[in-house]
Each structure stands twice: as C-alpha cells, then as structure tokens.
Amino acid sequence: MRKLAIAVLLFVLANAAPSAAASLTFIPRGTMVDSDAILDIVMAPGQQVSFTIMVNTAGLENFERLIAFSYVIDYDGSELQSAGAAFDIERMFPVIGAPDLSASGVIISHGTSATQPLGLPPNETHTLDIIRFTAQPGLVNNGNSDFSITVVAATAFELGSGAQRSVLNLFLDNRQQMVEVQPIPEPATWLLAAFGFVATLMRKGKAMTARAPLVPLQLRHSRSALMCRAAVPAEQRRRKVSTQSMVAMLWTLVSSLVAQPAFADPITGPIWDTDTIDQLVLKFHHGAVDELVDSHVFRSEVSPMGFWEFENLTIGEFGSGISDFDAVTVTGRLFRHVRGPEESSKGDPFTFFLMIPTTDFLFSDSLSEDVSHPGQGHVDRWNAVLDATLQPGSRGEIKNYQLTITATHNPVPEPATIIMVGVGLACVRRRLRYR
C-alpha cells in the first residue's frame, strides 16, 4: 500500500507541478486513462471543456521583457467544436487581431500596446487565454491528440538598450502540450479500482483512531470544533494525515475523469445572495451524501449583475458506503472580481481547495486570501468556507453541507494618506516620549 501511495503521489506531482523552464502550458492537463502515452480528458457529447493557457517566462534576463509571443492551436474538429474564447485574461499582454477558432491551425499572437507597453517580466507565470470547446458525438479513443498548443515565436526586449532578440530557444523543452479527449469508459474500468483504494485508505484511518477516547477539538484557524479521536501516537497521526491527503488526490483523479456522472444528486446553487459592485456572497447547499461517488461541476458562471465570475467549481463526494466517514472536496478555479467601483478591468484570480473531513477529522474547512485588482487599485478579500452538519449520533455521516464564498472590495489607501498617518503616529510617539 505504501508503494501504491507513493506511485499515485508521484503521478499527481508529475502532472500538476509547474515546470521550472520557460513553457507554454494549459490546464486541465488530463490524466492517464489508458495504455497509450498521451494524457486523456474523459467527456460526454455536449459537455464543455475550458483550456486555460499559461506562459512561464523563466530564462529571460533580469532587464528583459517578453514583448511578442505566438502559439498555434490545433484540434480535431470531428471531436471538438469551438465554443468561444477569452483573450488577455490578465490585461497585461494584448492579443493581436481577432483570432478565428472556427477551424484548427489558428495562430494566436500577443504583443504590447500603447496602454500596455512593457510586456511580461522574467521568471513569472501568467494566464494568457481561455479556449472553450464542446465535445461532439464523434468522440473516439484512438491515442491521437485532440487538442494541442505549440510555441512558434517569442521575442524579448531589453530595457535600457532597446535591443530585441528571439527567445524561442528558451521554450524548446516545453514548446508543445497536447491531450486526447475520449468518451466515458465503462464504470468497471475505473470505479471499482477507485472504491477499493479509497476503502483501504479509510479503513486504515479508522483503525488508527479506533482506540482513542472522544474529546472536543479546540478551534484552530477559524474551523469548527468537532468530537474526534485523540491521543493518537505521533507516527499514527502522520499516517492519518497521509491517508486524508491520498483521498484528496484520488478524488482529483476520479473527478477529472468524469465531470458529471448520471447519478449525481441535485445541488442548490449557485445562490447569489449578495451581488453588488463591492461585495459578493455566493452559496451552494447539498443534503445528505447518499452516493458512493458523486460530483457537481459548474463552469463559466457570471453573477446576475455581472460584477463577479468564476471559471470552474467542482464539488466531489464520497459516501459512507466506502467507510464510516462521508467526505466532500471542493476545487474552485479563477474566481474573479469582474469590475470594481474604480476599476473596469478584472481582478486577479482566487483559486482554492477545501476538504472535509480535514486531516484533523474536522467537518469545517476554510481558506482566505487577498488578491490585487489592477487599475485604480484595490484588494479583493476572498473567503471560502465548507461546513457540514452530521447526522444525529454519527461521527462521520453528513446530514447536509454548505459552501459559502464571499468577497469584498477593499480600497488601497492613497500614498499621501499613508504618509500623513505615519507622520501623525510619529508625532504622537515623540510627544509621549518627552512627557
């Protein structure tokens, strides 16, 4: 089991870790579903997939900027149909012209403009574009690429001297990425293996805590208290954390194979409780976790008033038929403030992952983060909370759970204001010292 866990961990890291060299990549990367060498994304006809294109500028000199960049998109039109695109996501590297994605082989070029003249700095990763496709009835598993991107040109500009040079050679090792889109396989090819693996992991977690008494856990990092097994030896606690981490990684693999299975129960949401230019309250609510494996996927949602948006939200569930514990995971990608009171452009993205029970067997998990909003300047303060209510008398069976995502607009003080406050505090301190 330890060797299997290490193998899965290495697989996930190999497919999720960003490259240290200059690169052009997209997500989702896909997973290894069959025996051929190319990664796969499993879809059903009519489903949509959004590829987020990112460039890494590692290898540029400190005084250089990437000022021109082109890549070509190839896709199999018999399996994928263009469903639109969003270019220059970060508003830092304008797209040149109006790329037509109705056919394969289109070249997408980014450059500078009068309002965005600096290009991209070195040793950073930036989101360029989001390309969307709809799966067609002709999906087939043939081991061939169905979507690929390839770097064809890259030019750097040296600040000060004004010299330009081609830096295409920096991308040679990571110049192309591809993925195959294939139909949903029979459940027996992957569900049984997933169930067995998760059941073994959860039984191990149960055995590690079976002999310890129930005691209340204290609040830590704003997470709710929960009756949980305590007095677990240090080695067993480390193994328990590893078990929960493996469950999270396994769900990432399983949910990437099937985005919306036929047996998925309804979920209430998205509920846009608050949707103003400076505040967001977004909720999702679900009852009991009844299925062995279930998922709910939301893509490319924009708030009714148009102030907030997100690209992808995947909620996965493991029912207690696998163990004594129900489990829920949430992956949110590219949540953004579309525009603020002072800014007409989008804010930086907020991405998060939550899981219950947590590594401490808590049934509440949360993540908070401040992200910048370029333009006039303010900070978007995001918070995501996943809470569950347990069935009466149960220590791991979920009665219902709720996901709440909030964001607030927080203006950044003007420099003059900061200076005046600083001077005022210095004066007060000086007066106190001479009393």
Protein backbone atom coordinates (compact mmCIF):
# COMPACT_ATOMS: atom_id res chain seq x y z
CA MET A 1 0.00 0.00 0.00
CA ARG A 2 2.86 2.38 0.77
CA LYS A 3 4.37 1.77 -2.67
CA LEU A 4 0.98 2.35 -4.30
CA ALA A 5 0.51 5.59 -2.38
CA ILE A 6 3.96 6.81 -3.43
CA ALA A 7 3.23 5.92 -7.04
CA VAL A 8 -0.04 7.90 -7.05
CA LEU A 9 1.68 10.85 -5.35
CA LEU A 10 4.45 10.92 -7.95
CA PHE A 11 1.88 10.71 -10.73
CA VAL A 12 -0.08 13.67 -9.38
CA LEU A 13 3.04 15.76 -8.83
CA ALA A 14 4.35 14.96 -12.28
CA ASN A 15 1.13 16.18 -13.88
CA ALA A 16 0.39 19.13 -11.60
CA ALA A 17 3.74 20.74 -10.77
CA PRO A 18 4.69 23.71 -12.95
CA SER A 19 7.84 23.49 -14.99
CA ALA A 20 10.93 25.45 -13.86
CA ALA A 21 11.84 26.29 -17.51
CA ALA A 22 10.16 28.65 -19.94
CA SER A 23 6.99 26.95 -21.06
CA LEU A 24 3.58 27.19 -22.66
CA THR A 25 1.05 25.01 -20.85
CA PHE A 26 -2.67 24.54 -20.38
CA ILE A 27 -4.98 23.15 -17.71
CA PRO A 28 -6.68 20.78 -17.34
CA ARG A 29 -3.67 18.70 -18.34
CA GLY A 30 -5.62 15.43 -18.41
CA THR A 31 -4.86 12.12 -16.71
CA MET A 32 -3.57 8.73 -17.79
CA VAL A 33 -6.73 6.72 -18.52
CA ASP A 34 -5.45 4.06 -20.92
CA SER A 35 -2.18 2.48 -22.02
CA ASP A 36 -1.11 4.98 -24.70
CA ALA A 37 1.40 7.75 -24.00
CA ILE A 38 -0.90 10.76 -24.32
CA LEU A 39 -2.91 12.14 -21.37
CA ASP A 40 -6.70 11.98 -21.58
CA ILE A 41 -9.78 14.02 -20.71
CA VAL A 42 -12.97 11.95 -20.48
CA MET A 43 -16.14 13.71 -21.66
CA ALA A 44 -19.64 13.06 -22.88
CA PRO A 45 -21.00 14.60 -26.11
CA GLY A 46 -22.39 18.06 -25.40
CA GLN A 47 -20.11 18.72 -22.43
CA GLN A 48 -17.82 21.74 -22.49
CA VAL A 49 -14.16 21.97 -21.55
CA SER A 50 -12.21 25.19 -20.97
CA PHE A 51 -8.45 25.19 -21.55
CA THR A 52 -6.59 27.88 -19.61
CA ILE A 53 -3.40 28.79 -21.49
CA MET A 54 -0.41 29.93 -19.40
CA VAL A 55 3.12 31.09 -20.26
CA ASN A 56 6.15 30.91 -17.98
CA THR A 57 8.98 33.37 -18.72
CA ALA A 58 11.82 31.57 -16.92
CA GLY A 59 15.18 32.14 -18.60
CA LEU A 60 14.72 35.79 -19.56
CA GLU A 61 17.42 38.14 -18.31
CA ASN A 62 16.59 40.45 -15.40
CA PHE A 63 16.30 43.51 -17.65
CA GLU A 64 14.33 41.77 -20.39
CA ARG A 65 10.61 41.63 -21.08
CA LEU A 66 8.66 39.25 -23.31
CA ILE A 67 7.09 41.67 -25.82
CA ALA A 68 5.85 39.32 -28.57
CA PHE A 69 4.63 35.76 -28.32
CA SER A 70 2.77 33.48 -30.74
CA TYR A 71 1.41 29.95 -30.48
CA VAL A 72 -0.72 27.77 -32.71
CA ILE A 73 -3.83 25.84 -31.66
CA ASP A 74 -4.62 22.51 -33.31
CA TYR A 75 -7.72 20.45 -32.56
CA ASP A 76 -9.73 17.61 -34.04
CA GLY A 77 -12.89 19.19 -35.43
CA SER A 78 -14.68 15.83 -35.54
CA GLU A 79 -14.45 15.54 -31.73
CA LEU A 80 -14.33 19.16 -30.55
CA GLN A 81 -16.23 22.25 -31.68
CA SER A 82 -15.11 25.76 -30.77
CA ALA A 83 -17.32 27.32 -28.07
CA GLY A 84 -15.65 30.71 -27.78
CA ALA A 85 -12.59 32.16 -26.10
CA ALA A 86 -11.42 34.91 -23.75
CA PHE A 87 -8.09 36.55 -24.59
CA ASP A 88 -5.57 38.51 -22.50
CA ILE A 89 -7.09 37.35 -19.21
CA GLU A 90 -4.73 39.37 -17.01
CA ARG A 91 -4.95 42.53 -19.17
CA MET A 92 -1.14 42.64 -19.41
CA PHE A 93 -0.37 41.18 -22.86
CA PRO A 94 -2.92 42.17 -25.53
CA VAL A 95 -3.88 39.73 -28.26
CA ILE A 96 -3.21 40.93 -31.79
CA GLY A 97 -6.20 40.92 -34.11
CA ALA A 98 -9.29 38.76 -33.67
CA PRO A 99 -8.33 35.06 -33.83
CA ASP A 100 -10.90 32.85 -35.54
CA LEU A 101 -11.08 29.47 -33.78
CA SER A 102 -13.75 28.01 -36.04
CA ALA A 103 -11.05 25.87 -37.67
CA SER A 104 -7.86 24.20 -36.46
CA GLY A 105 -4.40 25.66 -37.05
CA VAL A 106 -5.07 29.26 -35.97
CA ILE A 107 -2.10 31.28 -34.67
CA ILE A 108 -2.73 33.43 -31.59
CA SER A 109 -0.27 36.31 -31.12
CA HIS A 110 0.25 38.53 -28.09
CA GLY A 111 2.21 41.80 -28.03
CA THR A 112 2.39 45.23 -26.46
CA SER A 113 0.26 48.32 -26.90
CA ALA A 114 0.30 51.99 -26.00
CA THR A 115 -1.56 51.27 -22.76
CA GLN A 116 0.34 48.03 -22.03
CA PRO A 117 3.85 48.70 -23.34
CA LEU A 118 6.07 46.67 -21.00
CA GLY A 119 5.28 43.05 -21.88
CA LEU A 120 5.83 40.24 -19.37
CA PRO A 121 8.72 40.27 -16.85
CA PRO A 122 11.10 37.31 -16.39
CA ASN A 123 10.56 34.28 -14.16
CA GLU A 124 6.81 34.63 -13.82
CA THR A 125 3.77 32.60 -14.87
CA HIS A 126 0.87 34.46 -16.49
CA THR A 127 -2.52 33.37 -17.76
CA LEU A 128 -2.90 34.33 -21.41
CA ASP A 129 -6.18 32.98 -22.77
CA ILE A 130 -9.07 30.63 -22.09
CA ILE A 131 -10.20 28.46 -25.02
CA ARG A 132 -13.54 26.61 -24.82
CA PHE A 133 -14.78 23.59 -26.75
CA THR A 134 -17.90 21.42 -26.85
CA ALA A 135 -17.46 17.67 -27.19
CA GLN A 136 -19.02 16.22 -30.35
CA PRO A 137 -20.78 12.84 -30.91
CA GLY A 138 -17.69 11.66 -32.79
CA LEU A 139 -15.58 11.19 -29.64
CA VAL A 140 -13.24 8.25 -30.06
CA ASN A 141 -10.34 6.77 -28.12
CA ASN A 142 -7.65 6.43 -30.78
CA GLY A 143 -4.49 7.56 -28.97
CA ASN A 144 -4.17 10.75 -31.08
CA SER A 145 -4.02 14.37 -29.98
CA ASP A 146 -7.39 16.15 -30.00
CA PHE A 147 -6.13 19.49 -28.64
CA SER A 148 -2.61 20.90 -28.67
CA ILE A 149 -0.73 24.19 -28.37
CA THR A 150 2.72 24.87 -29.82
CA VAL A 151 5.00 27.91 -29.43
CA VAL A 152 6.00 29.31 -32.83
CA ALA A 153 7.60 32.69 -31.95
CA ALA A 154 8.87 34.56 -28.88
CA THR A 155 10.69 37.91 -28.75
CA ALA A 156 12.29 39.68 -25.78
CA PHE A 157 13.09 43.39 -25.36
CA GLU A 158 15.99 44.66 -23.21
CA LEU A 159 15.10 47.65 -21.07
CA GLY A 160 17.58 50.48 -21.46
CA SER A 161 19.36 49.41 -24.62
CA GLY A 162 16.18 48.66 -26.59
CA ALA A 163 17.76 45.54 -28.10
CA GLN A 164 15.45 42.75 -29.20
CA ARG A 165 16.19 39.05 -29.60
CA SER A 166 14.33 35.84 -30.31
CA VAL A 167 13.92 33.68 -27.21
CA LEU A 168 12.17 30.78 -28.92
CA ASN A 169 15.09 28.58 -27.82
CA LEU A 170 14.02 29.01 -24.17
CA PHE A 171 10.82 27.09 -24.97
CA LEU A 172 12.39 24.16 -26.83
CA ASP A 173 11.96 21.73 -23.92
CA ASN A 174 8.38 22.86 -23.20
CA ARG A 175 7.24 24.09 -26.58
CA GLN A 176 4.19 21.85 -27.05
CA GLN A 177 1.46 20.26 -24.95
CA MET A 178 -1.35 18.01 -26.12
CA VAL A 179 -4.23 15.97 -24.76
CA GLU A 180 -6.71 13.42 -26.08
CA VAL A 181 -10.45 13.78 -25.49
CA GLN A 182 -12.26 10.45 -25.32
CA PRO A 183 -15.71 9.11 -24.40
CA ILE A 184 -16.62 8.00 -20.88
CA PRO A 185 -15.35 4.45 -20.31
CA GLU A 186 -17.41 1.72 -18.68
CA PRO A 187 -17.56 2.26 -14.91
CA ALA A 188 -15.92 -1.10 -14.25
CA THR A 189 -12.66 0.13 -15.73
CA TRP A 190 -12.07 2.74 -13.04
CA LEU A 191 -14.81 2.95 -10.37
CA LEU A 192 -14.13 -0.44 -8.79
CA ALA A 193 -10.43 0.30 -8.50
CA ALA A 194 -11.16 3.73 -7.01
CA PHE A 195 -13.64 2.31 -4.49
CA GLY A 196 -11.20 -0.37 -3.37
CA PHE A 197 -8.34 2.08 -2.98
CA VAL A 198 -10.39 4.62 -1.02
CA ALA A 199 -11.94 1.90 1.16
CA THR A 200 -8.49 0.61 2.12
CA LEU A 201 -7.26 4.11 2.92
CA MET A 202 -10.30 4.99 5.01
CA ARG A 203 -10.20 1.68 6.92
CA LYS A 204 -6.61 2.46 7.81
CA GLY A 205 -7.64 5.92 9.03
CA LYS A 206 -10.42 4.36 11.10
CA ALA A 207 -8.10 1.77 12.67
CA MET A 208 -5.56 4.43 13.62
CA THR A 209 -8.17 6.29 15.72
CA ALA A 210 -10.29 3.41 16.98
CA ARG A 211 -8.70 3.07 20.43
CA ALA A 212 -8.61 6.71 21.49
CA PRO A 213 -11.42 8.37 23.51
CA LEU A 214 -13.67 11.06 22.08
CA VAL A 215 -12.67 14.59 23.14
CA PRO A 216 -13.65 18.02 21.75
CA LEU A 217 -11.09 19.62 19.46
CA GLN A 218 -10.41 23.32 20.01
CA LEU A 219 -10.97 25.92 17.31
CA ARG A 220 -7.94 26.35 15.08
CA HIS A 221 -7.73 28.75 12.16
CA SER A 222 -11.46 29.57 12.41
CA ARG A 223 -12.51 25.92 11.93
CA SER A 224 -15.40 24.50 13.94
CA ALA A 225 -14.90 22.24 16.96
CA LEU A 226 -15.73 18.55 16.44
CA MET A 227 -15.78 15.43 18.60
CA CYS A 228 -12.77 13.50 17.35
CA ARG A 229 -10.41 10.70 18.35
CA ALA A 230 -7.43 11.94 20.35
CA ALA A 231 -4.23 10.67 21.95
CA VAL A 232 -3.05 9.16 18.69
CA PRO A 233 0.70 8.42 18.65
CA ALA A 234 2.80 10.77 16.50
CA GLU A 235 3.61 8.16 13.87
CA GLN A 236 -0.05 7.21 13.51
CA ARG A 237 -1.06 10.88 13.24
CA ARG A 238 1.41 11.36 10.40
CA ARG A 239 -0.05 8.31 8.67
CA LYS A 240 -3.59 9.66 9.24
CA VAL A 241 -2.66 12.93 7.53
CA SER A 242 -1.14 10.97 4.65
CA THR A 243 -4.36 8.96 4.35
CA GLN A 244 -6.52 12.07 4.06
CA SER A 245 -4.12 13.62 1.55
CA MET A 246 -4.28 10.49 -0.59
CA VAL A 247 -8.11 10.61 -0.54
CA ALA A 248 -7.98 14.21 -1.79
CA MET A 249 -5.53 13.35 -4.55
CA LEU A 250 -7.51 10.29 -5.60
CA TRP A 251 -10.71 12.34 -5.85
CA THR A 252 -8.86 14.84 -8.05
CA LEU A 253 -8.02 11.98 -10.41
CA VAL A 254 -11.51 10.45 -10.36
CA SER A 255 -13.36 13.76 -10.78
CA SER A 256 -11.14 14.69 -13.71
CA LEU A 257 -12.24 11.51 -15.49
CA VAL A 258 -15.99 12.08 -15.19
CA ALA A 259 -17.14 15.65 -14.70
CA GLN A 260 -20.85 14.93 -14.20
CA PRO A 261 -21.94 11.31 -13.71
CA ALA A 262 -25.51 10.35 -14.46
CA PHE A 263 -26.29 9.51 -10.84
CA ALA A 264 -25.34 12.96 -9.47
CA ASP A 265 -27.93 14.24 -6.97
CA PRO A 266 -29.25 17.80 -7.28
CA ILE A 267 -27.43 20.62 -5.55
CA THR A 268 -28.89 24.02 -4.72
CA GLY A 269 -26.79 26.77 -6.26
CA PRO A 270 -25.24 28.93 -7.30
CA ILE A 271 -27.22 31.26 -5.00
CA TRP A 272 -26.03 34.84 -5.44
CA ASP A 273 -27.17 36.17 -2.04
CA THR A 274 -25.21 39.41 -2.46
CA ASP A 275 -24.13 40.65 -5.88
CA THR A 276 -23.01 44.27 -5.76
CA ILE A 277 -20.06 46.08 -7.25
CA ASP A 278 -18.13 45.82 -3.97
CA GLN A 279 -19.46 42.70 -2.25
CA LEU A 280 -20.21 39.05 -3.06
CA VAL A 281 -21.94 36.28 -1.11
CA LEU A 282 -22.25 33.06 -3.12
CA LYS A 283 -23.72 29.83 -1.66
CA PHE A 284 -24.19 26.18 -2.60
CA HIS A 285 -26.21 23.78 -0.46
CA HIS A 286 -26.50 19.98 -0.57
CA GLY A 287 -28.38 17.48 1.58
CA ALA A 288 -27.12 14.09 2.68
CA VAL A 289 -24.24 12.40 0.87
CA ASP A 290 -26.03 9.30 -0.41
CA GLU A 291 -23.92 8.07 -3.34
CA LEU A 292 -20.61 6.20 -3.19
CA VAL A 293 -19.06 8.71 -5.60
CA ASP A 294 -20.81 11.84 -6.85
CA SER A 295 -19.76 15.14 -8.42
CA HIS A 296 -21.24 18.52 -9.31
CA VAL A 297 -19.48 20.74 -11.85
CA PHE A 298 -20.15 24.40 -12.62
CA ARG A 299 -18.32 26.16 -15.44
CA SER A 300 -18.04 29.75 -16.67
CA GLU A 301 -20.57 31.29 -14.29
CA VAL A 302 -21.13 35.07 -14.18
CA SER A 303 -23.18 36.75 -11.44
CA PRO A 304 -26.59 38.17 -12.49
CA MET A 305 -25.33 41.75 -12.11
CA GLY A 306 -22.08 40.96 -13.95
CA PHE A 307 -19.74 42.02 -11.12
CA TRP A 308 -18.28 38.57 -10.26
CA GLU A 309 -17.43 35.37 -12.12
CA PHE A 310 -15.67 32.02 -11.89
CA GLU A 311 -14.37 29.57 -14.49
CA ASN A 312 -14.78 26.23 -12.73
CA LEU A 313 -16.14 24.80 -9.48
CA THR A 314 -16.04 21.05 -8.88
CA ILE A 315 -17.66 19.52 -5.79
CA GLY A 316 -16.90 15.85 -5.20
CA GLU A 317 -18.47 13.45 -2.71
CA PHE A 318 -17.50 10.08 -1.24
CA GLY A 319 -20.43 8.39 0.53
CA SER A 320 -20.14 6.44 3.78
CA GLY A 321 -20.73 3.22 1.87
CA ILE A 322 -16.96 3.29 1.44
CA SER A 323 -16.15 3.88 5.13
CA ASP A 324 -17.63 5.27 8.35
CA PHE A 325 -16.90 8.79 7.09
CA ASP A 326 -18.58 10.78 4.34
CA ALA A 327 -16.14 13.06 2.51
CA VAL A 328 -16.55 16.19 0.39
CA THR A 329 -13.92 18.00 -1.68
CA VAL A 330 -14.23 21.38 -3.42
CA THR A 331 -11.92 22.78 -6.08
CA GLY A 332 -12.57 26.36 -7.21
CA ARG A 333 -10.64 27.95 -10.07
CA LEU A 334 -10.34 31.51 -11.38
CA PHE A 335 -12.86 33.30 -9.16
CA ARG A 336 -12.62 36.99 -10.10
CA HIS A 337 -13.99 40.45 -9.40
CA VAL A 338 -15.03 41.47 -12.93
CA ARG A 339 -15.00 45.20 -12.20
CA GLY A 340 -14.92 47.44 -9.16
CA PRO A 341 -16.09 50.97 -8.35
CA GLU A 342 -12.82 52.39 -9.68
CA GLU A 343 -11.62 49.59 -12.00
CA SER A 344 -13.09 48.50 -15.31
CA SER A 345 -10.72 45.51 -15.72
CA LYS A 346 -10.84 42.16 -13.92
CA GLY A 347 -9.08 41.43 -10.64
CA ASP A 348 -6.50 38.72 -10.10
CA PRO A 349 -7.89 35.18 -9.72
CA PHE A 350 -8.70 33.38 -6.47
CA THR A 351 -8.28 29.59 -6.54
CA PHE A 352 -8.86 27.21 -3.62
CA PHE A 353 -9.17 23.60 -2.49
CA LEU A 354 -11.23 22.51 0.55
CA MET A 355 -11.86 19.06 2.02
CA ILE A 356 -13.97 17.60 4.82
CA PRO A 357 -13.16 15.80 6.96
CA THR A 358 -9.87 17.67 7.25
CA THR A 359 -6.61 16.00 8.21
CA ASP A 360 -7.71 16.51 11.83
CA PHE A 361 -11.13 14.96 11.10
CA LEU A 362 -12.87 18.34 11.35
CA PHE A 363 -16.02 18.87 9.31
CA SER A 364 -15.31 22.51 8.55
CA ASP A 365 -12.59 23.85 6.26
CA SER A 366 -11.84 27.36 5.03
CA LEU A 367 -9.36 29.46 3.08
CA SER A 368 -8.96 33.25 2.96
CA GLU A 369 -6.80 35.27 0.58
CA ASP A 370 -6.34 38.88 -0.51
CA VAL A 371 -5.71 39.36 -4.24
CA SER A 372 -4.88 42.57 -6.04
CA HIS A 373 -7.14 44.29 -8.56
CA PRO A 374 -5.04 46.24 -11.11
CA GLY A 375 -6.19 49.65 -12.27
CA GLN A 376 -7.06 52.38 -9.82
CA GLY A 377 -6.06 49.85 -7.22
CA HIS A 378 -7.81 47.86 -4.53
CA VAL A 379 -7.65 44.46 -2.86
CA ASP A 380 -10.33 41.79 -3.29
CA ARG A 381 -10.64 39.92 0.01
CA TRP A 382 -11.86 36.36 -0.70
CA ASN A 383 -13.02 33.71 1.74
CA ALA A 384 -14.27 30.18 1.01
CA VAL A 385 -15.88 28.04 3.75
CA LEU A 386 -17.09 24.45 3.55
CA ASP A 387 -19.24 23.36 6.52
CA ALA A 388 -21.12 20.13 7.21
CA THR A 389 -23.78 19.09 9.71
CA LEU A 390 -23.54 15.47 10.85
CA GLN A 391 -26.41 13.05 11.32
CA PRO A 392 -27.52 12.84 15.00
CA GLY A 393 -25.39 10.31 16.85
CA SER A 394 -22.93 9.96 13.97
CA ARG A 395 -19.28 10.88 13.99
CA GLY A 396 -18.83 10.92 10.22
CA GLU A 397 -22.15 10.70 8.32
CA ILE A 398 -23.05 14.02 6.71
CA LYS A 399 -26.64 15.25 7.05
CA ASN A 400 -26.02 18.30 4.82
CA TYR A 401 -23.23 20.63 3.82
CA GLN A 402 -22.90 24.20 2.58
CA LEU A 403 -20.22 26.02 0.59
CA THR A 404 -20.06 29.79 1.06
CA ILE A 405 -17.79 32.05 -0.96
CA THR A 406 -17.54 35.73 -0.05
CA ALA A 407 -15.53 38.63 -1.42
CA THR A 408 -15.30 42.30 -0.52
CA HIS A 409 -13.81 45.32 -2.27
CA ASN A 410 -11.14 46.96 -0.10
CA PRO A 411 -9.64 50.21 -1.45
CA VAL A 412 -5.89 50.64 -1.09
CA PRO A 413 -5.08 53.89 0.79
CA GLU A 414 -3.53 56.68 -1.27
CA PRO A 415 0.23 57.11 -0.64
CA ALA A 416 -0.39 60.61 0.75
CA THR A 417 -2.84 59.18 3.27
CA ILE A 418 -0.32 56.58 4.39
CA ILE A 419 2.38 59.25 4.77
CA MET A 420 0.09 61.54 6.78
CA VAL A 421 -0.90 58.71 9.12
CA GLY A 422 2.75 57.77 9.55
CA VAL A 423 3.73 61.36 10.36
CA GLY A 424 0.86 61.66 12.81
CA LEU A 425 1.87 58.50 14.65
CA ALA A 426 5.48 59.69 14.79
CA CYS A 427 4.39 62.99 16.33
CA VAL A 428 2.26 61.28 18.96
CA ARG A 429 5.15 58.97 19.84
CA ARG A 430 7.52 61.92 20.15
CA ARG A 431 5.14 63.83 22.44
CA LEU A 432 4.68 60.82 24.69
CA ARG A 433 8.44 60.35 24.94
CA TYR A 434 9.01 63.94 26.15
CA ARG A 435 6.23 63.93 28.76
